[in-house]
Amino acid sequence: MEKIEVGEVFLISDENDAEQEVEVIGTVTIEGTDYAAVSFVEDLQEETDEDIDIFFLKVDEEGDLAAIESDDEFEKVSAAFDEMMSEEQ
């Protein structure tokens, strides 16, 4: 399985099947599962003081990004990324 790298850009489809470019802004491994924090490339390129939307995705066995299915899993991933970001500051 290939590792997802920070800075990689992917196309994802939204609920209306419109494709959006997202960039990986962070990765973390929890209990043997890799997760990626991504944001829309368009938002990252804009110089603004507004907060950007960040999404957490799971890396499946094939190395593809997939939605996180449960609230518990999302909370774990969100907390891990929050902790990682606060350590970097």
N, C-alpha and C. Protein backbone atom coordinates (compact mmCIF):
# COMPACT_ATOMS: atom_id res chain seq x y z
N MET A 1 0.84 -1.19 0.00
CA MET A 1 0.00 0.00 0.00
C MET A 1 0.88 1.24 0.00
N GLU A 2 0.57 2.18 -0.88
CA GLU A 2 1.30 3.44 -0.91
C GLU A 2 0.84 4.33 0.22
N LYS A 3 1.81 5.09 0.77
CA LYS A 3 1.49 6.05 1.82
C LYS A 3 0.93 7.31 1.18
N ILE A 4 -0.07 7.87 1.81
CA ILE A 4 -0.59 9.18 1.41
C ILE A 4 0.38 10.22 1.96
N GLU A 5 0.80 11.17 1.14
CA GLU A 5 1.78 12.17 1.55
C GLU A 5 1.14 13.55 1.66
N VAL A 6 1.61 14.32 2.64
CA VAL A 6 1.17 15.71 2.77
C VAL A 6 1.55 16.45 1.49
N GLY A 7 0.62 17.23 0.96
CA GLY A 7 0.85 17.97 -0.27
C GLY A 7 0.27 17.30 -1.49
N GLU A 8 -0.11 16.02 -1.40
CA GLU A 8 -0.72 15.35 -2.54
C GLU A 8 -2.09 15.96 -2.82
N VAL A 9 -2.44 16.02 -4.09
CA VAL A 9 -3.73 16.56 -4.51
C VAL A 9 -4.54 15.44 -5.14
N PHE A 10 -5.81 15.35 -4.73
CA PHE A 10 -6.72 14.31 -5.23
C PHE A 10 -8.00 14.96 -5.72
N LEU A 11 -8.69 14.28 -6.62
CA LEU A 11 -10.04 14.68 -7.01
C LEU A 11 -11.02 13.82 -6.22
N ILE A 12 -11.99 14.46 -5.60
CA ILE A 12 -13.05 13.72 -4.93
C ILE A 12 -14.38 14.21 -5.48
N SER A 13 -15.38 13.37 -5.41
CA SER A 13 -16.72 13.74 -5.87
C SER A 13 -17.58 14.07 -4.67
N ASP A 14 -18.34 15.17 -4.77
CA ASP A 14 -19.24 15.52 -3.68
C ASP A 14 -20.58 14.82 -3.88
N GLU A 15 -21.55 15.15 -3.04
CA GLU A 15 -22.84 14.47 -3.11
C GLU A 15 -23.58 14.71 -4.42
N ASN A 16 -23.19 15.74 -5.17
CA ASN A 16 -23.81 16.03 -6.46
C ASN A 16 -22.97 15.50 -7.63
N ASP A 17 -21.96 14.66 -7.32
CA ASP A 17 -21.04 14.11 -8.31
C ASP A 17 -20.19 15.17 -9.00
N ALA A 18 -20.07 16.35 -8.39
CA ALA A 18 -19.15 17.37 -8.91
C ALA A 18 -17.78 17.07 -8.33
N GLU A 19 -16.74 17.14 -9.18
CA GLU A 19 -15.40 16.84 -8.70
C GLU A 19 -14.76 18.08 -8.10
N GLN A 20 -14.06 17.88 -6.99
CA GLN A 20 -13.36 18.95 -6.30
C GLN A 20 -11.93 18.49 -6.07
N GLU A 21 -10.97 19.40 -6.20
CA GLU A 21 -9.59 19.07 -5.87
C GLU A 21 -9.37 19.31 -4.39
N VAL A 22 -8.79 18.33 -3.71
CA VAL A 22 -8.42 18.48 -2.31
C VAL A 22 -6.95 18.19 -2.15
N GLU A 23 -6.33 18.86 -1.18
CA GLU A 23 -4.92 18.66 -0.89
C GLU A 23 -4.78 18.08 0.51
N VAL A 24 -3.89 17.12 0.65
CA VAL A 24 -3.62 16.51 1.97
C VAL A 24 -2.79 17.51 2.77
N ILE A 25 -3.31 17.89 3.95
CA ILE A 25 -2.59 18.85 4.79
C ILE A 25 -2.03 18.19 6.05
N GLY A 26 -2.36 16.93 6.25
CA GLY A 26 -1.81 16.20 7.39
C GLY A 26 -2.24 14.75 7.34
N THR A 27 -1.43 13.89 7.98
CA THR A 27 -1.78 12.47 8.08
C THR A 27 -1.51 12.00 9.50
N VAL A 28 -2.23 10.97 9.91
CA VAL A 28 -2.04 10.37 11.22
C VAL A 28 -2.45 8.90 11.12
N THR A 29 -1.81 8.07 11.93
CA THR A 29 -2.18 6.66 12.00
C THR A 29 -2.72 6.38 13.39
N ILE A 30 -3.92 5.80 13.45
CA ILE A 30 -4.55 5.46 14.73
C ILE A 30 -4.93 3.99 14.67
N GLU A 31 -4.43 3.24 15.64
CA GLU A 31 -4.75 1.81 15.74
C GLU A 31 -4.56 1.09 14.41
N GLY A 32 -3.47 1.41 13.70
CA GLY A 32 -3.14 0.72 12.46
C GLY A 32 -3.86 1.21 11.22
N THR A 33 -4.71 2.22 11.36
CA THR A 33 -5.42 2.77 10.21
C THR A 33 -4.90 4.17 9.92
N ASP A 34 -4.60 4.44 8.64
CA ASP A 34 -4.12 5.77 8.24
C ASP A 34 -5.31 6.68 7.93
N TYR A 35 -5.16 7.94 8.33
CA TYR A 35 -6.17 8.96 8.05
C TYR A 35 -5.49 10.18 7.46
N ALA A 36 -6.23 10.92 6.65
CA ALA A 36 -5.71 12.13 6.03
C ALA A 36 -6.65 13.29 6.32
N ALA A 37 -6.07 14.43 6.65
CA ALA A 37 -6.83 15.67 6.75
C ALA A 37 -6.65 16.38 5.41
N VAL A 38 -7.76 16.74 4.78
CA VAL A 38 -7.70 17.39 3.47
C VAL A 38 -8.52 18.68 3.50
N SER A 39 -8.16 19.56 2.58
CA SER A 39 -8.92 20.79 2.39
C SER A 39 -9.00 21.07 0.90
N PHE A 40 -9.99 21.85 0.50
CA PHE A 40 -10.13 22.19 -0.91
C PHE A 40 -8.93 23.02 -1.36
N VAL A 41 -8.33 22.66 -2.50
CA VAL A 41 -7.18 23.37 -3.04
C VAL A 41 -7.51 24.86 -3.22
N GLU A 42 -8.71 25.12 -3.70
CA GLU A 42 -9.15 26.50 -3.92
C GLU A 42 -9.09 27.31 -2.63
N ASP A 43 -9.53 26.72 -1.51
CA ASP A 43 -9.50 27.41 -0.21
C ASP A 43 -8.07 27.64 0.25
N LEU A 44 -7.20 26.68 0.01
CA LEU A 44 -5.81 26.79 0.46
C LEU A 44 -5.05 27.86 -0.32
N GLN A 45 -5.44 28.08 -1.58
CA GLN A 45 -4.74 29.05 -2.42
C GLN A 45 -5.18 30.48 -2.14
N GLU A 46 -6.37 30.65 -1.59
CA GLU A 46 -6.87 31.99 -1.29
C GLU A 46 -6.18 32.50 -0.03
N GLU A 47 -5.70 33.74 -0.09
CA GLU A 47 -5.12 34.34 1.10
C GLU A 47 -6.22 35.09 1.83
N THR A 48 -6.70 34.48 2.89
CA THR A 48 -7.81 35.05 3.64
C THR A 48 -7.65 34.74 5.11
N ASP A 49 -8.30 35.54 5.94
CA ASP A 49 -8.25 35.31 7.38
C ASP A 49 -9.33 34.33 7.83
N GLU A 50 -10.21 33.95 6.91
CA GLU A 50 -11.30 33.04 7.26
C GLU A 50 -10.76 31.63 7.48
N ASP A 51 -11.45 30.89 8.34
CA ASP A 51 -11.09 29.49 8.56
C ASP A 51 -11.36 28.69 7.29
N ILE A 52 -10.53 27.69 7.06
CA ILE A 52 -10.75 26.81 5.91
C ILE A 52 -11.44 25.55 6.40
N ASP A 53 -12.19 24.93 5.50
CA ASP A 53 -12.85 23.66 5.82
C ASP A 53 -11.82 22.54 5.73
N ILE A 54 -11.79 21.73 6.77
CA ILE A 54 -10.90 20.56 6.79
C ILE A 54 -11.76 19.32 6.93
N PHE A 55 -11.45 18.32 6.13
CA PHE A 55 -12.18 17.06 6.15
C PHE A 55 -11.23 15.93 6.51
N PHE A 56 -11.72 14.97 7.26
CA PHE A 56 -10.92 13.81 7.63
C PHE A 56 -11.41 12.62 6.82
N LEU A 57 -10.47 11.93 6.19
CA LEU A 57 -10.79 10.77 5.39
C LEU A 57 -9.93 9.60 5.82
N LYS A 58 -10.48 8.40 5.69
CA LYS A 58 -9.75 7.17 6.01
C LYS A 58 -9.08 6.67 4.75
N VAL A 59 -7.88 6.11 4.90
CA VAL A 59 -7.18 5.49 3.79
C VAL A 59 -7.51 4.00 3.83
N ASP A 60 -8.17 3.51 2.79
CA ASP A 60 -8.58 2.09 2.79
C ASP A 60 -7.43 1.18 2.37
N GLU A 61 -7.70 -0.12 2.30
CA GLU A 61 -6.67 -1.12 2.01
C GLU A 61 -5.99 -0.90 0.65
N GLU A 62 -6.71 -0.32 -0.30
CA GLU A 62 -6.15 -0.07 -1.63
C GLU A 62 -5.40 1.26 -1.71
N GLY A 63 -5.41 2.02 -0.60
CA GLY A 63 -4.75 3.32 -0.61
C GLY A 63 -5.65 4.44 -1.08
N ASP A 64 -6.94 4.14 -1.23
CA ASP A 64 -7.91 5.16 -1.65
C ASP A 64 -8.48 5.87 -0.43
N LEU A 65 -8.91 7.10 -0.62
CA LEU A 65 -9.54 7.85 0.46
C LEU A 65 -11.01 7.49 0.55
N ALA A 66 -11.49 7.29 1.77
CA ALA A 66 -12.89 6.91 1.99
C ALA A 66 -13.44 7.72 3.16
N ALA A 67 -14.74 7.86 3.17
CA ALA A 67 -15.40 8.60 4.26
C ALA A 67 -15.28 7.83 5.57
N ILE A 68 -15.24 8.59 6.66
CA ILE A 68 -15.28 8.00 8.00
C ILE A 68 -16.74 7.74 8.32
N GLU A 69 -17.04 6.50 8.70
CA GLU A 69 -18.43 6.08 8.83
C GLU A 69 -19.08 6.39 10.17
N SER A 70 -18.32 6.33 11.26
CA SER A 70 -18.96 6.46 12.57
C SER A 70 -18.54 7.74 13.29
N ASP A 71 -19.42 8.24 14.15
CA ASP A 71 -19.12 9.44 14.94
C ASP A 71 -17.95 9.19 15.89
N ASP A 72 -17.90 7.98 16.47
CA ASP A 72 -16.81 7.65 17.40
C ASP A 72 -15.46 7.71 16.68
N GLU A 73 -15.41 7.13 15.50
CA GLU A 73 -14.17 7.13 14.73
C GLU A 73 -13.78 8.56 14.36
N PHE A 74 -14.77 9.36 13.95
CA PHE A 74 -14.51 10.75 13.59
C PHE A 74 -13.95 11.51 14.80
N GLU A 75 -14.54 11.32 15.97
CA GLU A 75 -14.07 12.02 17.18
C GLU A 75 -12.63 11.65 17.49
N LYS A 76 -12.26 10.37 17.37
CA LYS A 76 -10.89 9.93 17.62
C LYS A 76 -9.91 10.61 16.66
N VAL A 77 -10.28 10.63 15.38
CA VAL A 77 -9.41 11.21 14.36
C VAL A 77 -9.28 12.71 14.57
N SER A 78 -10.38 13.37 14.83
CA SER A 78 -10.38 14.81 15.06
C SER A 78 -9.49 15.17 16.26
N ALA A 79 -9.62 14.42 17.35
CA ALA A 79 -8.81 14.68 18.55
C ALA A 79 -7.33 14.47 18.26
N ALA A 80 -7.01 13.42 17.50
CA ALA A 80 -5.60 13.14 17.17
C ALA A 80 -5.00 14.26 16.33
N PHE A 81 -5.76 14.77 15.36
CA PHE A 81 -5.26 15.87 14.54
C PHE A 81 -5.14 17.15 15.36
N ASP A 82 -6.11 17.41 16.25
CA ASP A 82 -6.02 18.59 17.12
C ASP A 82 -4.76 18.54 17.95
N GLU A 83 -4.47 17.38 18.52
CA GLU A 83 -3.28 17.20 19.35
C GLU A 83 -2.01 17.41 18.52
N MET A 84 -2.00 16.85 17.32
CA MET A 84 -0.84 16.98 16.44
C MET A 84 -0.60 18.45 16.07
N MET A 85 -1.67 19.16 15.76
CA MET A 85 -1.55 20.57 15.36
C MET A 85 -1.09 21.43 16.53
N SER A 86 -1.55 21.15 17.74
CA SER A 86 -1.16 21.96 18.88
C SER A 86 0.31 21.71 19.24
N GLU A 87 0.82 20.49 18.99
CA GLU A 87 2.24 20.19 19.23
C GLU A 87 3.14 20.93 18.26
N GLU A 88 2.65 21.19 17.04
CA GLU A 88 3.45 21.86 16.03
C GLU A 88 3.55 23.35 16.27
N GLN A 89 2.62 23.91 17.04
CA GLN A 89 2.61 25.37 17.25
C GLN A 89 3.46 25.79 18.38
